[in-house]
Protein backbone atom coordinates (compact mmCIF):
# COMPACT_ATOMS: atom_id res chain seq x y z
CA MET A 1 25.29 19.66 -9.93
CA GLY A 2 23.06 21.99 -11.99
CA ILE A 3 22.30 24.91 -9.60
CA THR A 4 18.94 26.68 -10.66
CA GLU A 5 17.44 29.99 -9.48
CA ASP A 6 14.65 27.88 -7.79
CA SER A 7 17.05 25.80 -5.53
CA LEU A 8 18.93 28.93 -4.64
CA LEU A 9 15.71 30.67 -3.56
CA GLN A 10 14.65 27.73 -1.63
CA SER A 11 18.28 27.56 0.05
CA GLY A 12 17.62 31.22 1.28
CA PHE A 13 18.90 33.34 -1.11
CA THR A 14 17.01 36.50 -2.02
CA ARG A 15 16.12 37.84 -5.60
CA LYS A 16 18.40 40.66 -5.13
CA GLU A 17 21.44 38.13 -4.38
CA ILE A 18 20.54 36.04 -7.22
CA GLN A 19 20.52 39.20 -9.48
CA ILE A 20 24.29 40.08 -8.01
CA LEU A 21 25.14 36.54 -8.95
CA LYS A 22 23.72 36.83 -12.40
CA ASN A 23 25.55 40.13 -13.13
CA ASN A 24 28.71 38.51 -12.17
CA ILE A 25 28.10 35.60 -14.36
CA GLU A 26 27.32 37.96 -17.07
CA SER A 27 30.46 40.23 -16.59
CA PHE A 28 32.97 37.18 -15.98
CA GLY A 29 31.28 34.22 -17.54
CA GLY A 30 30.77 30.80 -15.98
CA ASP A 31 27.43 29.55 -14.34
CA PHE A 32 25.60 29.21 -10.98
CA ASP A 33 27.37 26.07 -10.37
CA GLU A 34 31.08 27.85 -10.73
CA VAL A 35 30.21 31.02 -8.73
CA ILE A 36 28.49 29.14 -5.83
CA HIS A 37 31.31 26.69 -5.41
CA ASP A 38 33.81 29.60 -5.70
CA LEU A 39 31.95 31.91 -3.20
CA GLY A 40 31.69 28.65 -0.85
CA ARG A 41 35.44 28.21 -0.98
CA ARG A 42 36.29 31.61 -0.36
CA PHE A 43 34.20 31.46 2.89
CA ASN A 44 36.14 28.45 3.99
CA ILE A 45 39.39 30.48 3.12
CA LEU A 46 38.02 33.29 5.03
CA ILE A 47 37.23 31.27 8.24
CA PHE A 48 40.72 29.71 8.12
CA ILE A 49 42.44 32.82 8.04
CA LEU A 50 40.09 34.38 10.81
CA PHE A 51 40.99 31.39 12.95
CA PHE A 52 44.58 31.92 12.24
CA PHE A 53 44.39 35.41 13.33
CA LEU A 54 42.50 34.34 16.52
CA LEU A 55 45.20 32.02 17.25
CA SER A 56 47.90 34.80 16.84
CA VAL A 57 46.08 37.02 19.21
CA VAL A 58 46.08 34.16 21.78
CA PHE A 59 49.91 33.57 21.18
CA LEU A 60 50.48 37.38 21.64
CA ALA A 61 48.46 37.35 24.98
CA ILE A 62 50.41 34.55 26.28
CA PHE A 63 54.05 35.35 25.13
CA SER A 64 54.37 39.10 24.68
CA ASN A 65 53.81 42.35 26.72
CA THR A 66 50.72 44.56 26.87
CA GLY A 67 51.95 46.99 24.04
CA LYS A 68 52.31 44.37 21.68
CA LEU A 69 49.17 42.58 22.47
CA ILE A 70 47.35 45.77 21.86
CA SER A 71 49.03 47.02 18.54
CA GLY A 72 48.89 43.27 17.21
CA SER A 73 45.18 42.71 17.85
CA ILE A 74 44.16 46.15 16.39
CA GLY A 75 46.23 45.32 13.43
CA LEU A 76 44.65 41.90 13.00
CA LEU A 77 41.16 43.42 13.60
CA ILE A 78 41.62 45.96 10.93
CA THR A 79 43.01 43.24 8.56
CA SER A 80 40.03 41.14 9.47
CA MET A 81 37.51 43.80 8.56
CA ILE A 82 39.16 44.49 5.18
CA LEU A 83 39.23 40.51 4.45
CA ILE A 84 35.27 40.28 5.27
CA PHE A 85 34.40 43.25 2.97
CA ILE A 86 36.63 42.04 0.22
CA GLN A 87 33.96 39.46 -0.53
CA PRO A 88 30.15 39.77 -0.10
CA PRO A 89 29.92 38.03 3.33
CA VAL A 90 26.61 37.01 3.47
CA ILE A 91 26.12 35.66 -0.06
CA SER A 92 29.56 33.80 0.54
CA TYR A 93 28.13 32.23 3.96
CA LYS A 94 24.90 31.33 1.91
CA SER A 95 26.83 29.64 -0.79
CA TRP A 96 29.02 27.66 1.59
CA ARG A 97 25.80 26.46 3.43
CA PHE A 98 24.14 25.75 0.13
CA CYS A 99 27.38 23.52 -1.08
CA ARG A 100 27.45 21.92 2.52
CA LYS A 101 23.75 21.00 2.35
CA ASN A 102 23.69 19.86 -1.34
CA LYS A 103 27.02 17.86 -1.13
CA GLY A 104 25.70 14.59 -2.15
């Protein structure tokens, strides 16, 4: 695809976010194409996991008692927060949006 800094800036990335991506590339190798696509995929996986968690809370609400609903919801909420902050959520979203917009 040949992703450049200019195309990322036009897509909504800030210079600070691009610098973070460059630091990652310098540390671990690769190029903008790989980093952007990997972050986009990670965002998709995060959305899938959060949807599964939401579905789990719905099943808890329907089929279990109040105590299990509360404890399960708190556990899933804490796990969701950990998953969200393991990856850079804003950069991942922008990468997903960039990949979706520039698919063809």
